N, C-alpha and C. Protein backbone atom coordinates (compact mmCIF):
# COMPACT_ATOMS: atom_id res chain seq x y z
N MET A 1 16.96 46.65 -9.03
CA MET A 1 16.38 47.66 -9.89
C MET A 1 16.99 49.01 -9.51
N THR A 2 17.50 49.70 -10.49
CA THR A 2 18.12 50.99 -10.24
C THR A 2 17.03 52.05 -10.07
N ARG A 3 17.43 53.18 -9.53
CA ARG A 3 16.49 54.28 -9.34
C ARG A 3 15.95 54.75 -10.69
N GLU A 4 16.79 54.73 -11.69
CA GLU A 4 16.35 55.14 -13.03
C GLU A 4 15.27 54.19 -13.55
N ASP A 5 15.44 52.89 -13.33
CA ASP A 5 14.44 51.90 -13.74
C ASP A 5 13.14 52.11 -12.96
N ARG A 6 13.26 52.38 -11.66
CA ARG A 6 12.06 52.62 -10.84
C ARG A 6 11.31 53.85 -11.33
N ASN A 7 12.04 54.91 -11.62
CA ASN A 7 11.39 56.13 -12.11
C ASN A 7 10.70 55.89 -13.44
N ARG A 8 11.33 55.09 -14.31
CA ARG A 8 10.70 54.75 -15.59
C ARG A 8 9.41 53.97 -15.33
N ASP A 9 9.47 53.04 -14.36
CA ASP A 9 8.28 52.27 -14.00
C ASP A 9 7.18 53.19 -13.46
N TYR A 10 7.56 54.16 -12.62
CA TYR A 10 6.57 55.11 -12.07
C TYR A 10 5.90 55.91 -13.19
N ARG A 11 6.69 56.27 -14.22
CA ARG A 11 6.11 57.03 -15.35
C ARG A 11 5.26 56.13 -16.25
N ASP A 12 5.77 54.93 -16.54
CA ASP A 12 5.06 54.02 -17.45
C ASP A 12 3.75 53.50 -16.86
N ASN A 13 3.74 53.29 -15.56
CA ASN A 13 2.55 52.73 -14.90
C ASN A 13 1.83 53.77 -14.05
N PHE A 14 1.87 54.99 -14.51
CA PHE A 14 1.29 56.11 -13.78
C PHE A 14 -0.16 55.83 -13.38
N ASN A 15 -0.97 55.38 -14.33
CA ASN A 15 -2.41 55.17 -14.07
C ASN A 15 -2.64 54.07 -13.03
N GLU A 16 -1.83 53.02 -13.06
CA GLU A 16 -1.98 51.94 -12.08
C GLU A 16 -1.67 52.44 -10.67
N TYR A 17 -0.60 53.22 -10.53
CA TYR A 17 -0.25 53.74 -9.21
C TYR A 17 -1.32 54.70 -8.71
N VAL A 18 -1.84 55.53 -9.60
CA VAL A 18 -2.89 56.47 -9.21
C VAL A 18 -4.15 55.71 -8.79
N LYS A 19 -4.50 54.68 -9.55
CA LYS A 19 -5.67 53.88 -9.22
C LYS A 19 -5.51 53.24 -7.83
N GLY A 20 -4.33 52.75 -7.53
CA GLY A 20 -4.07 52.18 -6.21
C GLY A 20 -4.18 53.22 -5.11
N LEU A 21 -3.68 54.41 -5.36
CA LEU A 21 -3.75 55.48 -4.36
C LEU A 21 -5.18 55.98 -4.14
N MET A 22 -6.02 55.84 -5.14
CA MET A 22 -7.40 56.34 -5.02
C MET A 22 -8.20 55.58 -3.96
N LYS A 23 -7.71 54.42 -3.53
CA LYS A 23 -8.40 53.65 -2.51
C LYS A 23 -8.23 54.24 -1.11
N PHE A 24 -7.22 55.09 -0.96
CA PHE A 24 -6.98 55.73 0.34
C PHE A 24 -7.95 56.89 0.54
N SER A 25 -8.21 57.19 1.80
CA SER A 25 -9.08 58.32 2.11
C SER A 25 -8.36 59.63 1.79
N ASP A 26 -9.13 60.70 1.69
CA ASP A 26 -8.53 62.01 1.42
C ASP A 26 -7.55 62.41 2.52
N GLU A 27 -7.89 62.06 3.74
CA GLU A 27 -7.01 62.39 4.87
C GLU A 27 -5.66 61.69 4.74
N ILE A 28 -5.68 60.41 4.38
CA ILE A 28 -4.43 59.67 4.20
C ILE A 28 -3.63 60.23 3.03
N LEU A 29 -4.32 60.53 1.93
CA LEU A 29 -3.62 61.10 0.77
C LEU A 29 -3.00 62.45 1.11
N GLU A 30 -3.71 63.25 1.89
CA GLU A 30 -3.18 64.56 2.30
C GLU A 30 -1.92 64.37 3.14
N ASN A 31 -1.96 63.40 4.06
CA ASN A 31 -0.77 63.13 4.90
C ASN A 31 0.39 62.64 4.05
N LYS A 32 0.10 61.77 3.08
CA LYS A 32 1.16 61.27 2.19
C LYS A 32 1.77 62.43 1.40
N LEU A 33 0.92 63.31 0.92
CA LEU A 33 1.39 64.45 0.14
C LEU A 33 2.28 65.35 1.00
N ASP A 34 1.87 65.61 2.23
CA ASP A 34 2.69 66.42 3.14
C ASP A 34 4.05 65.78 3.38
N ILE A 35 4.07 64.48 3.59
CA ILE A 35 5.34 63.78 3.85
C ILE A 35 6.24 63.83 2.63
N VAL A 36 5.66 63.60 1.44
CA VAL A 36 6.46 63.63 0.21
C VAL A 36 7.02 65.03 -0.01
N ARG A 37 6.24 66.05 0.28
CA ARG A 37 6.73 67.43 0.10
C ARG A 37 7.87 67.75 1.07
N LEU A 38 7.78 67.23 2.29
CA LEU A 38 8.90 67.41 3.23
C LEU A 38 10.15 66.69 2.73
N GLN A 39 9.96 65.50 2.16
CA GLN A 39 11.09 64.76 1.62
C GLN A 39 11.68 65.48 0.41
N ILE A 40 10.83 66.11 -0.38
CA ILE A 40 11.32 66.88 -1.53
C ILE A 40 12.19 68.04 -1.05
N GLU A 41 11.75 68.71 0.01
CA GLU A 41 12.56 69.80 0.57
C GLU A 41 13.93 69.29 1.02
N LEU A 42 13.94 68.11 1.65
CA LEU A 42 15.22 67.55 2.08
C LEU A 42 16.10 67.18 0.88
N ALA A 43 15.48 66.64 -0.18
CA ALA A 43 16.25 66.29 -1.37
C ALA A 43 16.85 67.53 -2.02
N ILE A 44 16.08 68.62 -2.03
CA ILE A 44 16.61 69.88 -2.58
C ILE A 44 17.75 70.39 -1.71
N LYS A 45 17.55 70.33 -0.40
CA LYS A 45 18.58 70.79 0.53
C LYS A 45 19.87 69.98 0.38
N ASN A 46 19.71 68.66 0.17
CA ASN A 46 20.89 67.79 0.04
C ASN A 46 21.39 67.70 -1.41
N LYS A 47 20.71 68.40 -2.32
CA LYS A 47 21.07 68.44 -3.74
C LYS A 47 21.14 67.03 -4.35
N ASP A 48 20.15 66.22 -3.99
CA ASP A 48 20.06 64.85 -4.51
C ASP A 48 19.01 64.82 -5.62
N GLU A 49 19.48 64.92 -6.87
CA GLU A 49 18.57 65.03 -8.00
C GLU A 49 17.78 63.76 -8.27
N GLU A 50 18.40 62.59 -8.07
CA GLU A 50 17.69 61.32 -8.33
C GLU A 50 16.51 61.15 -7.36
N VAL A 51 16.76 61.42 -6.09
CA VAL A 51 15.69 61.31 -5.10
C VAL A 51 14.61 62.35 -5.38
N TYR A 52 15.04 63.54 -5.74
CA TYR A 52 14.09 64.61 -6.06
C TYR A 52 13.17 64.18 -7.21
N GLU A 53 13.74 63.57 -8.24
CA GLU A 53 12.93 63.14 -9.39
C GLU A 53 11.91 62.08 -8.96
N THR A 54 12.34 61.12 -8.16
CA THR A 54 11.42 60.08 -7.68
C THR A 54 10.30 60.69 -6.85
N LEU A 55 10.66 61.58 -5.96
CA LEU A 55 9.66 62.18 -5.08
C LEU A 55 8.67 63.05 -5.84
N THR A 56 9.12 63.74 -6.87
CA THR A 56 8.18 64.55 -7.65
C THR A 56 7.20 63.65 -8.42
N LEU A 57 7.68 62.48 -8.85
CA LEU A 57 6.76 61.53 -9.49
C LEU A 57 5.70 61.06 -8.48
N TRP A 58 6.13 60.75 -7.27
CA TRP A 58 5.19 60.35 -6.22
C TRP A 58 4.18 61.47 -5.94
N GLU A 59 4.70 62.69 -5.89
CA GLU A 59 3.83 63.84 -5.64
C GLU A 59 2.75 63.94 -6.72
N HIS A 60 3.15 63.77 -7.98
CA HIS A 60 2.19 63.83 -9.09
C HIS A 60 1.16 62.71 -8.98
N HIS A 61 1.60 61.51 -8.59
CA HIS A 61 0.67 60.39 -8.41
C HIS A 61 -0.39 60.74 -7.36
N ILE A 62 0.06 61.26 -6.23
CA ILE A 62 -0.86 61.57 -5.13
C ILE A 62 -1.83 62.68 -5.51
N ILE A 63 -1.31 63.70 -6.14
CA ILE A 63 -2.18 64.83 -6.56
C ILE A 63 -3.22 64.34 -7.56
N GLU A 64 -2.81 63.56 -8.54
CA GLU A 64 -3.75 63.04 -9.52
C GLU A 64 -4.80 62.15 -8.86
N ALA A 65 -4.38 61.33 -7.89
CA ALA A 65 -5.33 60.46 -7.18
C ALA A 65 -6.36 61.29 -6.42
N ARG A 66 -5.90 62.37 -5.79
CA ARG A 66 -6.84 63.23 -5.05
C ARG A 66 -7.82 63.91 -6.01
N ILE A 67 -7.34 64.34 -7.16
CA ILE A 67 -8.22 65.00 -8.13
C ILE A 67 -9.26 64.01 -8.65
N LEU A 68 -8.81 62.84 -9.08
CA LEU A 68 -9.74 61.84 -9.62
C LEU A 68 -10.71 61.35 -8.56
N ARG A 69 -10.23 61.22 -7.35
CA ARG A 69 -11.09 60.76 -6.25
C ARG A 69 -12.19 61.79 -5.98
N SER A 70 -11.86 63.06 -6.07
CA SER A 70 -12.85 64.10 -5.80
C SER A 70 -13.90 64.17 -6.91
N GLU A 71 -13.56 63.71 -8.13
CA GLU A 71 -14.49 63.75 -9.25
C GLU A 71 -15.44 62.55 -9.27
N LEU A 72 -15.10 61.49 -8.56
CA LEU A 72 -15.95 60.29 -8.56
C LEU A 72 -17.15 60.46 -7.65
N PRO A 73 -18.28 59.88 -8.05
CA PRO A 73 -19.42 59.86 -7.12
C PRO A 73 -19.05 59.04 -5.87
N GLU A 74 -19.65 59.35 -4.76
CA GLU A 74 -19.31 58.73 -3.48
C GLU A 74 -19.45 57.21 -3.52
N ASN A 75 -20.45 56.70 -4.24
CA ASN A 75 -20.69 55.26 -4.25
C ASN A 75 -19.69 54.48 -5.11
N GLU A 76 -18.88 55.15 -5.91
CA GLU A 76 -17.90 54.47 -6.75
C GLU A 76 -16.53 54.39 -6.09
N ILE A 77 -16.35 55.02 -4.96
CA ILE A 77 -15.06 55.02 -4.29
C ILE A 77 -14.93 53.76 -3.46
N VAL A 78 -13.92 52.96 -3.77
CA VAL A 78 -13.66 51.73 -3.03
C VAL A 78 -12.78 52.08 -1.84
N PRO A 79 -13.26 51.83 -0.62
CA PRO A 79 -12.46 52.19 0.55
C PRO A 79 -11.25 51.29 0.71
N TYR A 80 -10.21 51.84 1.26
CA TYR A 80 -8.99 51.09 1.54
C TYR A 80 -9.15 50.42 2.90
N VAL A 81 -8.89 49.14 2.95
CA VAL A 81 -8.95 48.40 4.21
C VAL A 81 -7.54 47.91 4.50
N ASN A 82 -7.00 48.34 5.63
CA ASN A 82 -5.65 47.90 5.94
C ASN A 82 -5.66 46.58 6.70
N GLU A 83 -4.49 46.02 6.92
CA GLU A 83 -4.38 44.70 7.56
C GLU A 83 -4.93 44.70 8.98
N ILE A 84 -4.76 45.79 9.69
CA ILE A 84 -5.24 45.85 11.06
C ILE A 84 -6.76 45.79 11.08
N GLU A 85 -7.42 46.53 10.20
CA GLU A 85 -8.88 46.50 10.13
C GLU A 85 -9.37 45.10 9.75
N LEU A 86 -8.66 44.42 8.84
CA LEU A 86 -9.03 43.06 8.47
C LEU A 86 -8.88 42.11 9.65
N ALA A 87 -7.79 42.26 10.42
CA ALA A 87 -7.57 41.40 11.58
C ALA A 87 -8.63 41.64 12.64
N ILE A 88 -9.01 42.88 12.84
CA ILE A 88 -10.06 43.20 13.83
C ILE A 88 -11.39 42.58 13.40
N ALA A 89 -11.71 42.69 12.12
CA ALA A 89 -12.96 42.11 11.62
C ALA A 89 -12.95 40.59 11.77
N GLU A 90 -11.83 39.97 11.48
CA GLU A 90 -11.71 38.51 11.63
C GLU A 90 -11.85 38.11 13.10
N ASN A 91 -11.24 38.89 13.98
CA ASN A 91 -11.34 38.62 15.41
C ASN A 91 -12.79 38.74 15.90
N LYS A 92 -13.50 39.75 15.44
CA LYS A 92 -14.91 39.92 15.81
C LYS A 92 -15.76 38.76 15.30
N ARG A 93 -15.48 38.32 14.08
CA ARG A 93 -16.22 37.20 13.50
C ARG A 93 -15.99 35.92 14.31
N GLU A 94 -14.74 35.67 14.69
CA GLU A 94 -14.43 34.49 15.49
C GLU A 94 -15.06 34.57 16.87
N ALA A 95 -15.07 35.75 17.47
CA ALA A 95 -15.69 35.93 18.79
C ALA A 95 -17.19 35.66 18.70
N LYS A 96 -17.81 36.11 17.62
CA LYS A 96 -19.24 35.87 17.44
C LYS A 96 -19.52 34.38 17.28
N GLN A 97 -18.68 33.68 16.49
CA GLN A 97 -18.84 32.24 16.32
C GLN A 97 -18.67 31.52 17.66
N TYR A 98 -17.68 31.94 18.44
CA TYR A 98 -17.44 31.32 19.75
C TYR A 98 -18.67 31.51 20.64
N ALA A 99 -19.22 32.71 20.65
CA ALA A 99 -20.39 32.99 21.49
C ALA A 99 -21.58 32.14 21.06
N GLU A 100 -21.78 31.99 19.74
CA GLU A 100 -22.88 31.18 19.24
C GLU A 100 -22.69 29.71 19.62
N ARG A 101 -21.47 29.20 19.50
CA ARG A 101 -21.20 27.80 19.86
C ARG A 101 -21.38 27.59 21.36
N HIS A 102 -20.90 28.54 22.12
CA HIS A 102 -21.03 28.44 23.58
C HIS A 102 -22.51 28.44 23.98
N GLN A 103 -23.30 29.24 23.32
CA GLN A 103 -24.73 29.30 23.60
C GLN A 103 -25.39 27.96 23.27
N VAL A 104 -24.99 27.33 22.17
CA VAL A 104 -25.54 26.03 21.81
C VAL A 104 -25.17 24.98 22.87
N ILE A 105 -23.93 25.02 23.30
CA ILE A 105 -23.48 24.07 24.32
C ILE A 105 -24.23 24.27 25.62
N GLU A 106 -24.41 25.50 26.01
CA GLU A 106 -25.11 25.80 27.26
C GLU A 106 -26.59 25.41 27.19
N SER A 107 -27.19 25.51 26.00
CA SER A 107 -28.61 25.22 25.87
C SER A 107 -28.88 23.75 25.57
N LYS A 108 -27.83 22.94 25.48
CA LYS A 108 -27.98 21.51 25.18
C LYS A 108 -28.74 20.84 26.32
N PRO A 109 -29.81 20.11 26.00
CA PRO A 109 -30.60 19.48 27.06
C PRO A 109 -29.80 18.37 27.74
N THR A 110 -30.03 18.21 29.02
CA THR A 110 -29.34 17.16 29.76
C THR A 110 -30.17 15.89 29.70
N ILE A 111 -29.52 14.76 29.85
CA ILE A 111 -30.17 13.46 29.79
C ILE A 111 -30.42 12.98 31.23
N SER A 112 -31.64 12.58 31.49
CA SER A 112 -31.96 12.09 32.83
C SER A 112 -31.36 10.69 33.01
N ASP A 113 -31.31 10.23 34.27
CA ASP A 113 -30.77 8.91 34.57
C ASP A 113 -31.58 7.82 33.87
N HIS A 114 -32.90 7.98 33.84
CA HIS A 114 -33.76 6.99 33.20
C HIS A 114 -33.47 6.91 31.69
N GLU A 115 -33.29 8.07 31.04
CA GLU A 115 -32.98 8.09 29.62
C GLU A 115 -31.61 7.47 29.36
N GLU A 116 -30.68 7.72 30.27
CA GLU A 116 -29.34 7.16 30.14
C GLU A 116 -29.40 5.63 30.19
N GLU A 117 -30.22 5.07 31.11
CA GLU A 117 -30.37 3.62 31.22
C GLU A 117 -30.98 3.05 29.95
N ASP A 118 -31.98 3.73 29.37
CA ASP A 118 -32.60 3.27 28.13
C ASP A 118 -31.58 3.22 26.99
N ILE A 119 -30.74 4.24 26.92
CA ILE A 119 -29.72 4.28 25.87
C ILE A 119 -28.74 3.13 26.04
N GLN A 120 -28.30 2.89 27.29
CA GLN A 120 -27.35 1.82 27.57
C GLN A 120 -27.94 0.45 27.25
N SER A 121 -29.21 0.23 27.62
CA SER A 121 -29.83 -1.08 27.37
C SER A 121 -30.02 -1.31 25.87
N SER A 122 -30.41 -0.26 25.11
CA SER A 122 -30.56 -0.45 23.67
C SER A 122 -29.21 -0.72 23.02
N PHE A 123 -28.15 -0.13 23.56
CA PHE A 123 -26.80 -0.39 23.05
C PHE A 123 -26.41 -1.85 23.29
N LYS A 124 -26.74 -2.38 24.50
CA LYS A 124 -26.41 -3.77 24.82
C LYS A 124 -27.17 -4.73 23.90
N VAL A 125 -28.45 -4.44 23.63
CA VAL A 125 -29.24 -5.29 22.74
C VAL A 125 -28.65 -5.27 21.33
N HIS A 126 -28.30 -4.08 20.87
CA HIS A 126 -27.73 -3.93 19.53
C HIS A 126 -26.39 -4.68 19.45
N LYS A 127 -25.58 -4.58 20.49
CA LYS A 127 -24.27 -5.24 20.51
C LYS A 127 -24.45 -6.75 20.49
N ALA A 128 -25.46 -7.27 21.22
CA ALA A 128 -25.71 -8.72 21.25
C ALA A 128 -26.16 -9.20 19.88
N ARG A 129 -26.98 -8.41 19.20
CA ARG A 129 -27.46 -8.78 17.87
C ARG A 129 -26.30 -8.85 16.89
N ILE A 130 -25.38 -7.93 16.97
CA ILE A 130 -24.21 -7.94 16.09
C ILE A 130 -23.38 -9.18 16.36
N LYS A 131 -23.24 -9.56 17.64
CA LYS A 131 -22.46 -10.74 18.02
C LYS A 131 -23.08 -12.00 17.43
N GLU A 132 -24.43 -12.11 17.48
CA GLU A 132 -25.12 -13.27 16.91
C GLU A 132 -24.87 -13.36 15.42
N GLU A 133 -24.97 -12.21 14.74
CA GLU A 133 -24.77 -12.21 13.29
C GLU A 133 -23.35 -12.61 12.94
N ASP A 134 -22.38 -12.18 13.73
CA ASP A 134 -20.97 -12.53 13.47
C ASP A 134 -20.74 -14.02 13.65
N ASP A 135 -21.40 -14.66 14.66
CA ASP A 135 -21.20 -16.09 14.90
C ASP A 135 -21.77 -16.92 13.77
N ASN A 136 -22.80 -16.46 13.11
CA ASN A 136 -23.43 -17.21 12.03
C ASN A 136 -22.72 -17.06 10.69
N GLN A 137 -21.78 -16.15 10.60
CA GLN A 137 -21.09 -15.95 9.35
C GLN A 137 -19.88 -16.87 9.26
N MET A 138 -19.57 -17.29 8.04
CA MET A 138 -18.39 -18.12 7.83
C MET A 138 -17.19 -17.24 7.56
N SER A 139 -16.10 -17.65 8.07
CA SER A 139 -14.87 -16.90 7.85
C SER A 139 -14.22 -17.41 6.57
N LEU A 140 -13.71 -16.51 5.80
CA LEU A 140 -13.01 -16.89 4.58
C LEU A 140 -11.53 -17.11 4.83
N PHE A 141 -11.07 -16.82 5.99
CA PHE A 141 -9.65 -16.93 6.27
C PHE A 141 -9.35 -17.93 7.34
């Protein structure tokens, strides 16, 4: 995609880009705007008109996002969650699950020797009953 095509895309999809930028906090948008303005100064200094045009489009997107964001009620603003915050939340969730499972394992009642013998004897009786039933059945093969 050429720079001219990208700039056309930035103009044609202006509202979509602004909507995406509105998810960022005011602080992040302010930092983005400062960076874009520094890049614009460099483009002017280097007399690069194509880069200058792209950067001015970005600047307009950011400014429009800040204006629209300031006009929205606080409860309508969808916060931006980056990948690091998502990973931290997932890590906390897994740690909580691990702690809950560990607690269940630790609280598991132990079986006394007498209970263990009862379980073993009932298993032997059950196994003998299965053996009797198998001997009484006819094999088809």
